Protein backbone atom coordinates (compact mmCIF):
# COMPACT_ATOMS: atom_id res chain seq x y z
CA MET A 1 -46.10 88.98 166.51
CA LYS A 2 -44.94 86.87 169.43
CA ILE A 3 -44.66 83.39 167.96
CA LYS A 4 -42.46 80.40 168.56
CA GLY A 5 -39.95 79.48 165.88
CA LYS A 6 -40.72 80.33 162.27
CA ALA A 7 -43.65 82.40 161.04
CA ILE A 8 -47.05 80.87 161.57
CA ASN A 9 -48.94 79.60 158.55
CA LYS A 10 -52.43 80.86 159.33
CA LEU A 11 -54.23 78.15 157.38
CA ASP A 12 -52.19 75.45 159.13
CA LEU A 13 -52.92 77.01 162.52
CA PHE A 14 -56.66 77.24 161.81
CA SER A 15 -56.62 73.66 160.59
CA VAL A 16 -54.94 72.54 163.83
CA PHE A 17 -57.55 74.36 165.91
CA SER A 18 -60.42 72.88 163.89
CA LYS A 19 -59.09 69.31 164.02
CA ILE A 20 -58.04 69.27 167.66
CA LEU A 21 -61.02 71.14 169.13
CA GLY A 22 -63.42 69.08 167.05
CA THR A 23 -62.36 65.94 168.94
CA ALA A 24 -62.99 67.40 172.43
CA ASN A 25 -65.50 65.53 174.58
CA SER A 26 -66.19 68.28 177.11
CA LEU A 27 -66.03 72.05 177.51
CA ASP A 28 -63.04 71.72 179.84
CA GLU A 29 -61.24 69.71 177.17
CA ILE A 30 -61.96 72.39 174.55
CA PHE A 31 -60.37 75.04 176.76
CA LYS A 32 -57.40 72.83 177.69
CA LYS A 33 -56.70 72.01 174.05
CA THR A 34 -57.04 75.67 173.11
CA MET A 35 -54.44 76.62 175.70
CA ALA A 36 -52.13 73.81 174.57
CA ILE A 37 -52.21 75.19 171.00
CA PHE A 38 -51.51 78.69 172.28
CA GLU A 39 -48.57 77.44 174.34
CA SER A 40 -47.04 75.59 171.39
CA ASN A 41 -47.35 78.48 168.93
CA PHE A 42 -47.15 81.79 170.83
CA THR A 43 -44.87 83.37 173.43
CA TYR A 44 -47.17 85.88 175.08
CA ASP A 45 -46.37 86.58 178.73
CA SER A 46 -49.80 85.59 179.99
CA ILE A 47 -52.86 83.95 178.47
CA ILE A 48 -56.05 83.33 180.45
CA ILE A 49 -59.45 82.04 179.36
CA PHE A 50 -62.35 83.43 181.39
CA VAL A 51 -65.89 82.05 181.25
CA PHE A 52 -69.08 83.35 182.85
CA ASP A 53 -70.54 81.13 185.56
CA PHE A 54 -74.25 80.70 186.36
CA THR A 55 -74.19 83.81 188.57
CA GLY A 56 -72.94 86.00 185.73
CA LYS A 57 -69.42 86.31 187.15
CA LEU A 58 -66.30 85.74 185.07
CA GLN A 59 -64.30 82.80 186.33
CA GLU A 60 -60.76 81.88 185.36
CA LYS A 61 -61.00 78.64 183.39
CA ILE A 62 -57.38 77.99 182.45
CA LYS A 63 -54.18 80.02 182.15
CA THR A 64 -50.53 79.93 181.20
CA GLY A 65 -47.58 82.26 181.65
CA ILE A 66 -46.72 84.57 184.54
CA LYS A 67 -48.71 84.46 187.75
CA THR A 68 -51.55 86.94 187.95
CA PHE A 69 -54.37 87.39 190.41
CA LYS A 70 -58.06 88.04 189.91
CA HIS A 71 -60.84 89.18 192.22
CA LEU A 72 -64.53 88.60 191.72
CA PRO A 73 -65.99 91.42 189.60
CA SER A 74 -66.95 94.41 191.75
CA LYS A 75 -69.62 95.56 189.30
CA SER A 76 -71.61 94.37 186.31
CA LEU A 77 -69.66 94.19 183.07
CA ASP A 78 -72.52 96.05 181.37
CA ASN A 79 -71.60 99.11 183.43
CA ILE A 80 -68.03 99.20 182.13
CA LYS A 81 -67.88 101.23 178.94
CA SER A 82 -64.93 99.43 177.33
CA ILE A 83 -66.47 96.00 177.97
CA ARG A 84 -69.87 97.15 176.74
CA LYS A 85 -68.25 98.15 173.44
CA ILE A 86 -66.68 94.71 173.08
CA ILE A 87 -70.04 93.06 173.79
CA GLN A 88 -71.82 95.25 171.22
CA GLU A 89 -69.23 94.87 168.46
CA LYS A 90 -68.11 91.30 169.27
CA SER A 91 -64.57 92.35 168.43
CA ALA A 92 -61.21 92.24 170.20
CA LYS A 93 -60.15 95.21 172.30
CA GLN A 94 -56.52 96.31 172.70
CA ILE A 95 -55.69 98.16 175.91
CA LYS A 96 -52.19 99.65 175.93
CA ASN A 97 -52.45 101.49 179.26
CA TRP A 98 -53.62 98.56 181.35
CA GLN A 99 -52.40 100.01 184.65
CA GLU A 100 -54.88 102.87 184.22
CA GLU A 101 -57.84 100.52 183.72
CA LYS A 102 -58.57 100.02 187.41
CA GLU A 103 -62.14 98.81 186.80
CA LEU A 104 -60.90 96.00 184.60
CA HIS A 105 -58.30 94.88 187.15
CA THR A 106 -61.07 93.48 189.36
CA ILE A 107 -62.33 91.36 186.48
CA PHE A 108 -59.29 90.25 184.50
CA PHE A 109 -55.58 90.69 185.26
CA ASP A 110 -54.76 92.15 188.66
CA SER A 111 -50.99 92.34 188.47
CA ASP A 112 -48.52 95.20 188.42
CA LEU A 113 -46.53 93.20 185.87
CA ILE A 114 -49.16 93.47 183.13
CA LYS A 115 -48.92 96.60 180.97
CA SER A 116 -50.67 95.73 177.69
CA VAL A 117 -53.73 93.52 177.15
CA LEU A 118 -55.81 92.18 174.28
CA LEU A 119 -59.33 91.07 175.22
CA ILE A 120 -60.82 88.56 172.75
CA PRO A 121 -64.55 87.84 173.23
CA LEU A 122 -66.02 84.36 173.03
CA PHE A 123 -69.65 84.46 171.97
CA THR A 124 -72.71 82.60 170.73
CA SER A 125 -75.13 84.07 168.21
CA ASN A 126 -76.63 86.43 170.79
CA GLN A 127 -74.40 86.67 173.86
CA ILE A 128 -70.82 86.69 175.09
CA PHE A 129 -69.90 83.76 177.31
CA GLY A 130 -66.23 84.49 178.02
CA PHE A 131 -62.92 86.02 176.98
CA ILE A 132 -59.44 84.99 175.93
CA THR A 133 -57.10 87.55 177.48
CA ILE A 134 -53.56 88.08 176.21
CA GLY A 135 -51.29 89.99 178.64
CA GLU A 136 -47.84 91.49 178.07
CA THR A 137 -45.36 92.86 180.61
CA THR A 138 -44.13 95.56 178.20
CA ASP A 139 -45.84 98.41 176.38
CA TYR A 140 -46.65 96.00 173.58
CA THR A 141 -48.69 96.99 170.54
CA PHE A 142 -50.70 94.22 168.90
CA SER A 143 -50.55 94.63 165.12
CA GLU A 144 -53.69 94.67 162.99
CA ASN A 145 -52.82 91.30 161.44
CA GLU A 146 -52.10 89.90 164.90
CA ILE A 147 -55.48 91.05 166.22
CA ILE A 148 -57.26 89.56 163.20
CA LEU A 149 -55.43 86.25 163.70
CA LEU A 150 -56.28 86.11 167.42
CA GLU A 151 -59.87 87.18 166.78
CA THR A 152 -60.24 84.37 164.25
CA ILE A 153 -58.89 81.91 166.81
CA GLY A 154 -61.53 83.27 169.21
CA HIS A 155 -64.18 82.59 166.56
CA LEU A 156 -62.94 79.01 166.16
CA VAL A 157 -63.06 78.43 169.91
CA SER A 158 -66.53 80.00 170.11
CA TYR A 159 -67.77 77.83 167.25
CA ASN A 160 -66.51 74.63 168.85
CA VAL A 161 -68.01 75.55 172.23
CA CYS A 162 -71.36 76.38 170.60
CA HIS A 163 -71.27 73.20 168.51
CA PHE A 164 -70.51 71.09 171.57
CA LEU A 165 -73.29 72.73 173.60
CA PHE A 166 -75.75 72.30 170.71
CA GLN A 167 -74.83 68.65 170.33
CA GLU A 168 -75.15 68.15 174.08
CA TYR A 169 -78.52 69.92 174.15
CA MET A 170 -79.84 67.90 171.21
CA GLN A 171 -78.66 64.67 172.84
CA LYS A 172 -80.46 65.64 176.04
CA GLN A 173 -83.66 66.29 174.11
CA ASN A 174 -83.18 63.03 172.24
CA ASN A 175 -82.82 61.10 175.51
CA GLU A 176 -85.92 62.76 176.93
CA LEU A 177 -87.89 61.89 173.80
CA LYS A 178 -86.73 58.28 174.00
CA GLU A 179 -87.87 58.10 177.61
CA ILE A 180 -91.26 59.60 176.76
CA THR A 181 -91.88 57.22 173.86
CA LYS A 182 -90.80 54.27 175.97
CA ARG A 183 -93.22 55.21 178.76
CA MET A 184 -96.05 55.93 176.31
CA ARG A 185 -95.61 52.60 174.55
CA HIS A 186 -95.66 50.75 177.86
CA ASP A 187 -98.79 52.52 179.13
CA PHE A 188 -100.49 52.40 175.74
CA ALA A 189 -99.83 48.68 175.39
CA ASN A 190 -101.28 47.97 178.85
CA ASP A 191 -104.42 49.98 178.07
CA LEU A 192 -104.86 48.17 174.76
CA GLN A 193 -104.46 44.79 176.44
CA SER A 194 -107.19 45.64 178.95
CA LEU A 195 -109.45 46.87 176.14
CA SER A 196 -108.86 43.69 174.10
CA MET A 197 -109.72 41.48 177.06
CA ALA A 198 -112.93 43.45 177.65
CA LEU A 199 -113.91 43.19 173.97
CA GLU A 200 -113.25 39.44 173.93
CA LEU A 201 -115.50 39.05 176.95
CA LEU A 202 -118.25 41.15 175.39
CA ALA A 203 -118.04 39.18 172.13
CA THR A 204 -119.15 36.01 174.03
CA THR A 205 -122.09 37.81 175.62
CA ASN A 206 -125.65 38.03 174.28
CA LEU A 207 -125.91 41.55 172.94
CA SER A 208 -128.62 43.59 171.30
CA ASP A 209 -128.14 44.89 167.76
CA ASP A 210 -127.28 48.35 169.09
CA GLN A 211 -124.77 46.86 171.51
CA LYS A 212 -123.17 44.85 168.70
CA LYS A 213 -122.91 48.06 166.70
CA TYR A 214 -121.00 49.74 169.55
CA LEU A 215 -118.85 46.64 169.90
CA ARG A 216 -117.83 46.89 166.23
CA ILE A 217 -116.98 50.57 166.72
CA LEU A 218 -114.82 49.69 169.73
CA GLU A 219 -113.13 46.88 167.80
CA LYS A 220 -112.35 49.26 164.95
CA SER A 221 -110.94 51.81 167.40
CA LYS A 222 -108.81 49.11 169.02
CA ASN A 223 -107.31 48.10 165.67
CA SER A 224 -106.60 51.76 164.88
CA ALA A 225 -104.91 52.17 168.26
CA ILE A 226 -102.75 49.11 167.58
CA GLY A 227 -101.65 50.76 164.33
CA LYS A 228 -100.79 53.95 166.23
CA LEU A 229 -98.79 51.88 168.71
CA GLN A 230 -96.77 50.47 165.83
CA GLU A 231 -96.10 54.01 164.60
CA LEU A 232 -94.95 54.93 168.09
CA LYS A 233 -92.58 51.95 168.07
CA GLN A 234 -91.15 53.13 164.74
CA LEU A 235 -90.70 56.60 166.24
CA LYS A 236 -88.87 55.06 169.20
CA ASP A 237 -86.55 53.10 166.90
CA LYS A 238 -85.84 56.27 164.92
CA TYR A 239 -84.72 58.17 168.01
CA GLU A 240 -82.89 55.32 169.72
CA LYS A 241 -79.67 56.36 168.01
CA ASP A 242 -77.39 59.05 169.42
CA VAL A 243 -77.57 62.45 167.78
CA ASP A 244 -75.11 62.75 164.92
CA PHE A 245 -74.84 64.16 161.42
CA PHE A 246 -77.32 62.56 159.04
CA ILE A 247 -74.92 62.34 156.09
CA GLY A 248 -71.56 60.72 155.55
CA ILE A 249 -69.98 57.30 156.02
CA GLN A 250 -70.37 55.62 159.37
CA PHE A 251 -67.20 54.62 161.20
CA GLU A 252 -66.80 50.94 162.01
């Protein structure tokens, strides 16, 4: 295993990934911190993180090591058998004869220097969103333990990306809900004010018994609507806070 210094304590390494990635405030920061941990613990010749863009193309997000080049994919990844297997199994793929994988050169490493590659998928519950690619300039064989370790790191990165995206999505929904409740309260309050003024005016008018009956019904409906407005205010107060875990001790 190509590591820096003494043997890696797996639990310590996983703990570092969990602690550091958990403090990231953006996707770019997650990938930068991931690469920083790789650089401080491993000595692989090339490491690149690729992420799909909105057009379905893999884009180089961040890299370290020797210079490599990459073209835009010439065909869909679904049409490449080796990639399709990775997508189906959600497991790392070791490719020892990289120079013979011409299809993959247009997607990942495109360098005569690279001879051995490990492709580590990054995925959500139902789709792959990128890869960590480990490249070596020699006919390097990744051991079973090494692959398991790197796969687990891929899982940790995937989890933190998914968690960040979920938190971001929930915050967006929370903000939209706050805006809706704010607008509803404003419009509802204006409508109630107009109704109250009309009822006050009618109360000073000579009315028939039937008209007074309808007036009482309207007054009752107005009071019910005021109660609903108070419930809406409570709902607004409930969702005013940023999305966060609902248990634990709040930081000062």
